[in-house]
Amino acid sequence: MTFLSHPAKVTKVMAHISAIAKRHRFGGDLTSNLQIASAEAINNISEHGYRGSELGRIGLSVARTPRHINVYLQDFGRPMPAGLLQNVMLPGFGENGGDLPEGGFGLYLIQTVTSAFQYRRRAASNEWTLSFRRY
């Protein structure tokens, strides 16, 4: 499927992923992880790659292998900054533990709930692969 980077589209995409998960009888944890990582990746593409433009196109496909579920995303936004995926860590919290940072959780969440996460820039597009081990 292809959709615009409009925030309201994420809900439709999550419904589409849920329908795929239900049709193929994925477990609840796998379905939740698919939704979390996909939503975070799409939000990052929209916010950073397209700089908040609601007119950027995002392509999504889901493939099942005997051991994995793979979500493929493609966009034509700005490339991810070099080295960003080298050392993904949970953002620091304030001294009193209650000062949550505004951002920085997305890549950490994606890395945490996937079994593998790949990004590559090819020509004018960004290609994302989110892999999930089947339970």
N, C-alpha and C. Protein backbone atom coordinates (compact mmCIF):
# COMPACT_ATOMS: atom_id res chain seq x y z
N MET A 1 0.83 -1.17 0.00
CA MET A 1 0.00 0.00 0.00
C MET A 1 0.88 1.24 0.00
N THR A 2 0.37 2.30 -0.55
CA THR A 2 1.05 3.60 -0.56
C THR A 2 0.10 4.62 0.06
N PHE A 3 0.65 5.51 0.88
CA PHE A 3 -0.19 6.49 1.56
C PHE A 3 0.61 7.77 1.76
N LEU A 4 -0.10 8.84 2.06
CA LEU A 4 0.54 10.13 2.34
C LEU A 4 1.02 10.17 3.78
N SER A 5 2.01 11.02 4.04
CA SER A 5 2.61 11.10 5.37
C SER A 5 1.76 11.88 6.37
N HIS A 6 0.51 12.04 6.11
CA HIS A 6 -0.43 12.73 7.00
C HIS A 6 -0.59 11.92 8.29
N PRO A 7 -0.55 12.56 9.47
CA PRO A 7 -0.67 11.83 10.74
C PRO A 7 -1.93 10.96 10.84
N ALA A 8 -3.01 11.39 10.25
CA ALA A 8 -4.26 10.61 10.32
C ALA A 8 -4.14 9.29 9.56
N LYS A 9 -3.22 9.21 8.64
CA LYS A 9 -3.04 7.98 7.86
C LYS A 9 -2.44 6.85 8.69
N VAL A 10 -1.71 7.20 9.74
CA VAL A 10 -1.09 6.18 10.58
C VAL A 10 -2.14 5.25 11.17
N THR A 11 -3.28 5.79 11.58
CA THR A 11 -4.36 4.98 12.13
C THR A 11 -4.85 3.96 11.11
N LYS A 12 -5.01 4.39 9.86
CA LYS A 12 -5.44 3.46 8.80
C LYS A 12 -4.39 2.40 8.55
N VAL A 13 -3.13 2.78 8.57
CA VAL A 13 -2.05 1.83 8.35
C VAL A 13 -2.02 0.80 9.48
N MET A 14 -2.22 1.25 10.72
CA MET A 14 -2.23 0.32 11.84
C MET A 14 -3.41 -0.65 11.74
N ALA A 15 -4.55 -0.17 11.27
CA ALA A 15 -5.70 -1.05 11.05
C ALA A 15 -5.38 -2.08 9.97
N HIS A 16 -4.68 -1.66 8.94
CA HIS A 16 -4.27 -2.57 7.86
C HIS A 16 -3.33 -3.65 8.41
N ILE A 17 -2.36 -3.24 9.22
CA ILE A 17 -1.42 -4.20 9.81
C ILE A 17 -2.15 -5.14 10.75
N SER A 18 -3.10 -4.63 11.53
CA SER A 18 -3.90 -5.48 12.41
C SER A 18 -4.70 -6.52 11.62
N ALA A 19 -5.26 -6.10 10.50
CA ALA A 19 -6.03 -7.03 9.66
C ALA A 19 -5.13 -8.13 9.10
N ILE A 20 -3.93 -7.76 8.69
CA ILE A 20 -2.97 -8.76 8.20
C ILE A 20 -2.63 -9.74 9.33
N ALA A 21 -2.35 -9.20 10.51
CA ALA A 21 -1.99 -10.03 11.65
C ALA A 21 -3.12 -10.99 12.03
N LYS A 22 -4.34 -10.50 12.00
CA LYS A 22 -5.50 -11.34 12.33
C LYS A 22 -5.69 -12.43 11.27
N ARG A 23 -5.59 -12.04 10.02
CA ARG A 23 -5.78 -12.99 8.92
C ARG A 23 -4.76 -14.12 8.98
N HIS A 24 -3.53 -13.81 9.39
CA HIS A 24 -2.47 -14.82 9.42
C HIS A 24 -2.24 -15.38 10.82
N ARG A 25 -3.12 -15.00 11.75
CA ARG A 25 -3.11 -15.54 13.12
C ARG A 25 -1.78 -15.32 13.84
N PHE A 26 -1.27 -14.09 13.75
CA PHE A 26 -0.08 -13.74 14.52
C PHE A 26 -0.49 -13.64 15.99
N GLY A 27 0.42 -13.89 16.87
CA GLY A 27 0.15 -13.76 18.29
C GLY A 27 -0.01 -12.30 18.70
N GLY A 28 -0.55 -12.08 19.88
CA GLY A 28 -0.79 -10.72 20.37
C GLY A 28 0.48 -9.90 20.52
N ASP A 29 1.56 -10.52 21.05
CA ASP A 29 2.82 -9.80 21.21
C ASP A 29 3.40 -9.41 19.86
N LEU A 30 3.36 -10.32 18.90
CA LEU A 30 3.88 -10.02 17.57
C LEU A 30 3.08 -8.90 16.92
N THR A 31 1.77 -8.96 17.04
CA THR A 31 0.92 -7.91 16.47
C THR A 31 1.23 -6.56 17.11
N SER A 32 1.37 -6.53 18.43
CA SER A 32 1.69 -5.28 19.13
C SER A 32 3.04 -4.73 18.68
N ASN A 33 4.03 -5.60 18.58
CA ASN A 33 5.36 -5.16 18.15
C ASN A 33 5.35 -4.64 16.72
N LEU A 34 4.59 -5.31 15.84
CA LEU A 34 4.45 -4.82 14.46
C LEU A 34 3.86 -3.41 14.45
N GLN A 35 2.84 -3.20 15.25
CA GLN A 35 2.18 -1.90 15.30
C GLN A 35 3.09 -0.83 15.90
N ILE A 36 3.76 -1.13 17.00
CA ILE A 36 4.63 -0.16 17.65
C ILE A 36 5.75 0.28 16.70
N ALA A 37 6.47 -0.69 16.16
CA ALA A 37 7.62 -0.36 15.30
C ALA A 37 7.18 0.33 14.02
N SER A 38 6.11 -0.13 13.41
CA SER A 38 5.63 0.48 12.17
C SER A 38 5.18 1.92 12.41
N ALA A 39 4.42 2.13 13.49
CA ALA A 39 3.95 3.48 13.79
C ALA A 39 5.13 4.42 14.07
N GLU A 40 6.11 3.96 14.82
CA GLU A 40 7.28 4.79 15.12
C GLU A 40 8.05 5.12 13.86
N ALA A 41 8.27 4.12 13.00
CA ALA A 41 9.01 4.35 11.76
C ALA A 41 8.26 5.34 10.86
N ILE A 42 6.95 5.15 10.72
CA ILE A 42 6.15 6.05 9.88
C ILE A 42 6.15 7.46 10.45
N ASN A 43 6.03 7.58 11.76
CA ASN A 43 6.08 8.91 12.38
C ASN A 43 7.44 9.57 12.17
N ASN A 44 8.52 8.80 12.27
CA ASN A 44 9.86 9.35 12.02
C ASN A 44 10.01 9.80 10.58
N ILE A 45 9.50 9.00 9.65
CA ILE A 45 9.56 9.37 8.24
C ILE A 45 8.81 10.68 8.03
N SER A 46 7.61 10.76 8.58
CA SER A 46 6.79 11.96 8.41
C SER A 46 7.43 13.19 9.04
N GLU A 47 7.88 13.04 10.27
CA GLU A 47 8.39 14.18 11.02
C GLU A 47 9.78 14.63 10.55
N HIS A 48 10.66 13.68 10.31
CA HIS A 48 12.04 14.03 9.98
C HIS A 48 12.35 13.96 8.48
N GLY A 49 11.93 12.89 7.84
CA GLY A 49 12.19 12.74 6.42
C GLY A 49 11.45 13.75 5.57
N TYR A 50 10.17 13.95 5.90
CA TYR A 50 9.34 14.89 5.15
C TYR A 50 9.15 16.21 5.89
N ARG A 51 9.82 16.37 7.03
CA ARG A 51 9.76 17.61 7.82
C ARG A 51 8.33 18.06 8.13
N GLY A 52 7.48 17.10 8.40
CA GLY A 52 6.10 17.43 8.77
C GLY A 52 5.16 17.66 7.61
N SER A 53 5.67 17.58 6.37
CA SER A 53 4.79 17.74 5.22
C SER A 53 3.80 16.58 5.18
N GLU A 54 2.56 16.88 4.88
CA GLU A 54 1.54 15.84 4.81
C GLU A 54 1.36 15.31 3.39
N LEU A 55 2.27 15.68 2.51
CA LEU A 55 2.16 15.28 1.10
C LEU A 55 3.20 14.26 0.67
N GLY A 56 4.09 13.86 1.59
CA GLY A 56 5.10 12.87 1.25
C GLY A 56 4.49 11.48 1.10
N ARG A 57 4.97 10.73 0.16
CA ARG A 57 4.45 9.37 -0.07
C ARG A 57 5.30 8.35 0.68
N ILE A 58 4.60 7.38 1.28
CA ILE A 58 5.24 6.29 1.99
C ILE A 58 4.66 4.98 1.43
N GLY A 59 5.54 4.08 1.07
CA GLY A 59 5.13 2.76 0.62
C GLY A 59 5.32 1.75 1.73
N LEU A 60 4.40 0.81 1.87
CA LEU A 60 4.47 -0.20 2.91
C LEU A 60 4.10 -1.55 2.33
N SER A 61 4.87 -2.56 2.66
CA SER A 61 4.48 -3.93 2.33
C SER A 61 4.89 -4.83 3.49
N VAL A 62 4.18 -5.92 3.63
CA VAL A 62 4.43 -6.88 4.70
C VAL A 62 4.62 -8.24 4.04
N ALA A 63 5.69 -8.95 4.43
CA ALA A 63 5.96 -10.27 3.88
C ALA A 63 6.19 -11.25 5.02
N ARG A 64 5.73 -12.46 4.82
CA ARG A 64 5.89 -13.51 5.81
C ARG A 64 6.85 -14.56 5.28
N THR A 65 7.83 -14.93 6.09
CA THR A 65 8.72 -16.03 5.77
C THR A 65 8.50 -17.10 6.85
N PRO A 66 9.08 -18.27 6.70
CA PRO A 66 8.87 -19.28 7.74
C PRO A 66 9.30 -18.83 9.14
N ARG A 67 10.28 -17.94 9.24
CA ARG A 67 10.78 -17.54 10.55
C ARG A 67 10.51 -16.09 10.93
N HIS A 68 10.16 -15.26 9.97
CA HIS A 68 10.04 -13.83 10.24
C HIS A 68 8.82 -13.21 9.55
N ILE A 69 8.42 -12.08 10.10
CA ILE A 69 7.51 -11.16 9.43
C ILE A 69 8.35 -9.93 9.14
N ASN A 70 8.34 -9.47 7.90
CA ASN A 70 9.12 -8.30 7.51
C ASN A 70 8.18 -7.19 7.05
N VAL A 71 8.41 -6.01 7.58
CA VAL A 71 7.70 -4.82 7.15
C VAL A 71 8.70 -3.98 6.37
N TYR A 72 8.33 -3.65 5.14
CA TYR A 72 9.18 -2.84 4.28
C TYR A 72 8.52 -1.48 4.10
N LEU A 73 9.30 -0.43 4.33
CA LEU A 73 8.83 0.94 4.14
C LEU A 73 9.76 1.64 3.17
N GLN A 74 9.19 2.47 2.32
CA GLN A 74 9.99 3.27 1.40
C GLN A 74 9.43 4.68 1.37
N ASP A 75 10.34 5.66 1.40
CA ASP A 75 9.93 7.05 1.29
C ASP A 75 10.97 7.80 0.46
N PHE A 76 10.62 9.02 0.09
CA PHE A 76 11.49 9.84 -0.73
C PHE A 76 11.85 11.14 -0.02
N GLY A 77 11.86 11.08 1.30
CA GLY A 77 12.21 12.24 2.11
C GLY A 77 13.71 12.38 2.26
N ARG A 78 14.08 13.27 3.18
CA ARG A 78 15.50 13.48 3.47
C ARG A 78 16.13 12.20 3.99
N PRO A 79 17.41 11.99 3.71
CA PRO A 79 18.08 10.79 4.24
C PRO A 79 18.28 10.89 5.76
N MET A 80 18.39 9.74 6.38
CA MET A 80 18.68 9.70 7.81
C MET A 80 20.11 10.19 8.00
N PRO A 81 20.37 10.99 9.02
CA PRO A 81 21.73 11.47 9.26
C PRO A 81 22.71 10.30 9.45
N ALA A 82 23.89 10.42 8.89
CA ALA A 82 24.91 9.37 8.99
C ALA A 82 25.22 9.08 10.45
N GLY A 83 25.36 7.81 10.75
CA GLY A 83 25.75 7.38 12.09
C GLY A 83 24.64 7.32 13.12
N LEU A 84 23.44 7.74 12.76
CA LEU A 84 22.34 7.78 13.73
C LEU A 84 21.99 6.39 14.27
N LEU A 85 22.14 5.36 13.45
CA LEU A 85 21.78 4.01 13.87
C LEU A 85 22.95 3.26 14.51
N GLN A 86 24.11 3.89 14.61
CA GLN A 86 25.29 3.22 15.15
C GLN A 86 25.17 2.92 16.64
N ASN A 87 24.56 3.81 17.39
CA ASN A 87 24.53 3.67 18.84
C ASN A 87 23.18 4.16 19.37
N VAL A 88 22.12 3.43 19.07
CA VAL A 88 20.78 3.83 19.50
C VAL A 88 20.64 3.50 20.98
N MET A 89 20.33 4.52 21.76
CA MET A 89 20.18 4.34 23.21
C MET A 89 18.90 5.03 23.69
N LEU A 90 18.42 4.59 24.83
CA LEU A 90 17.28 5.23 25.46
C LEU A 90 17.70 6.64 25.87
N PRO A 91 16.89 7.66 25.54
CA PRO A 91 17.25 9.03 25.93
C PRO A 91 17.39 9.15 27.44
N GLY A 92 18.25 10.06 27.85
CA GLY A 92 18.44 10.30 29.28
C GLY A 92 17.25 11.01 29.90
N PHE A 93 17.05 10.77 31.18
CA PHE A 93 15.99 11.42 31.93
C PHE A 93 16.61 12.50 32.79
N GLY A 94 15.83 13.47 33.18
CA GLY A 94 16.32 14.55 34.03
C GLY A 94 16.84 14.04 35.36
N GLU A 95 17.46 14.91 36.10
CA GLU A 95 18.07 14.54 37.38
C GLU A 95 17.07 13.94 38.37
N ASN A 96 15.84 14.43 38.34
CA ASN A 96 14.86 13.91 39.29
C ASN A 96 14.05 12.75 38.71
N GLY A 97 14.40 12.32 37.51
CA GLY A 97 13.73 11.17 36.91
C GLY A 97 12.37 11.47 36.31
N GLY A 98 11.84 12.65 36.53
CA GLY A 98 10.52 12.98 36.02
C GLY A 98 10.54 13.86 34.79
N ASP A 99 11.71 14.32 34.40
CA ASP A 99 11.82 15.19 33.24
C ASP A 99 12.03 14.36 31.98
N LEU A 100 10.94 14.00 31.33
CA LEU A 100 11.04 13.19 30.12
C LEU A 100 11.43 14.06 28.93
N PRO A 101 12.37 13.59 28.12
CA PRO A 101 12.72 14.35 26.93
C PRO A 101 11.57 14.33 25.94
N GLU A 102 11.52 15.31 25.06
CA GLU A 102 10.42 15.44 24.08
C GLU A 102 10.48 14.34 23.04
N GLY A 103 11.65 13.90 22.64
CA GLY A 103 11.76 12.89 21.59
C GLY A 103 12.92 11.96 21.84
N GLY A 104 13.22 11.15 20.83
CA GLY A 104 14.35 10.26 20.93
C GLY A 104 14.01 8.83 21.30
N PHE A 105 12.73 8.53 21.49
CA PHE A 105 12.34 7.19 21.87
C PHE A 105 12.07 6.29 20.67
N GLY A 106 11.76 6.87 19.53
CA GLY A 106 11.31 6.10 18.37
C GLY A 106 12.27 5.03 17.91
N LEU A 107 13.51 5.41 17.60
CA LEU A 107 14.48 4.42 17.13
C LEU A 107 14.78 3.38 18.20
N TYR A 108 14.81 3.82 19.46
CA TYR A 108 15.04 2.88 20.55
C TYR A 108 13.90 1.84 20.61
N LEU A 109 12.67 2.30 20.51
CA LEU A 109 11.53 1.37 20.54
C LEU A 109 11.58 0.41 19.35
N ILE A 110 11.87 0.95 18.17
CA ILE A 110 11.95 0.09 16.97
C ILE A 110 13.00 -0.98 17.18
N GLN A 111 14.18 -0.58 17.64
CA GLN A 111 15.26 -1.53 17.85
C GLN A 111 14.90 -2.56 18.93
N THR A 112 14.16 -2.15 19.94
CA THR A 112 13.81 -3.03 21.04
C THR A 112 12.79 -4.10 20.64
N VAL A 113 11.80 -3.75 19.83
CA VAL A 113 10.72 -4.71 19.52
C VAL A 113 10.94 -5.50 18.24
N THR A 114 11.97 -5.16 17.46
CA THR A 114 12.25 -5.92 16.25
C THR A 114 13.39 -6.90 16.51
N SER A 115 13.46 -7.94 15.68
CA SER A 115 14.63 -8.84 15.78
C SER A 115 15.76 -8.30 14.92
N ALA A 116 15.43 -7.46 13.94
CA ALA A 116 16.43 -6.77 13.10
C ALA A 116 15.78 -5.53 12.51
N PHE A 117 16.60 -4.50 12.33
CA PHE A 117 16.12 -3.23 11.77
C PHE A 117 17.21 -2.74 10.83
N GLN A 118 16.83 -2.54 9.57
CA GLN A 118 17.81 -2.07 8.60
C GLN A 118 17.30 -0.82 7.89
N TYR A 119 18.23 0.03 7.58
CA TYR A 119 17.94 1.24 6.81
C TYR A 119 19.00 1.37 5.74
N ARG A 120 18.57 1.78 4.56
CA ARG A 120 19.55 2.14 3.53
C ARG A 120 18.98 3.22 2.64
N ARG A 121 19.88 4.03 2.16
CA ARG A 121 19.53 5.08 1.20
C ARG A 121 19.91 4.55 -0.17
N ARG A 122 18.96 4.55 -1.09
CA ARG A 122 19.24 4.11 -2.45
C ARG A 122 18.67 5.15 -3.40
N ALA A 123 19.58 5.75 -4.18
CA ALA A 123 19.21 6.83 -5.10
C ALA A 123 18.50 7.92 -4.29
N ALA A 124 17.25 8.22 -4.61
CA ALA A 124 16.52 9.29 -3.92
C ALA A 124 15.54 8.76 -2.88
N SER A 125 15.68 7.48 -2.51
CA SER A 125 14.70 6.92 -1.56
C SER A 125 15.38 6.35 -0.32
N ASN A 126 14.59 6.29 0.73
CA ASN A 126 14.97 5.63 1.97
C ASN A 126 14.23 4.30 2.02
N GLU A 127 14.93 3.24 2.36
CA GLU A 127 14.32 1.92 2.46
C GLU A 127 14.55 1.37 3.87
N TRP A 128 13.47 0.98 4.48
CA TRP A 128 13.48 0.49 5.86
C TRP A 128 12.99 -0.95 5.86
N THR A 129 13.65 -1.82 6.62
CA THR A 129 13.19 -3.19 6.81
C THR A 129 13.11 -3.44 8.31
N LEU A 130 11.92 -3.76 8.76
CA LEU A 130 11.68 -4.10 10.16
C LEU A 130 11.36 -5.58 10.19
N SER A 131 12.18 -6.37 10.86
CA SER A 131 11.99 -7.83 10.92
C SER A 131 11.57 -8.25 12.31
N PHE A 132 10.63 -9.18 12.35
CA PHE A 132 10.10 -9.68 13.60
C PHE A 132 10.14 -11.20 13.57
N ARG A 133 10.72 -11.80 14.60
CA ARG A 133 10.74 -13.25 14.70
C ARG A 133 9.33 -13.75 14.98
N ARG A 134 8.92 -14.76 14.25
CA ARG A 134 7.60 -15.34 14.51
C ARG A 134 7.67 -16.19 15.76
N TYR A 135 6.62 -16.14 16.57
CA TYR A 135 6.60 -16.88 17.83
C TYR A 135 6.05 -18.24 17.62
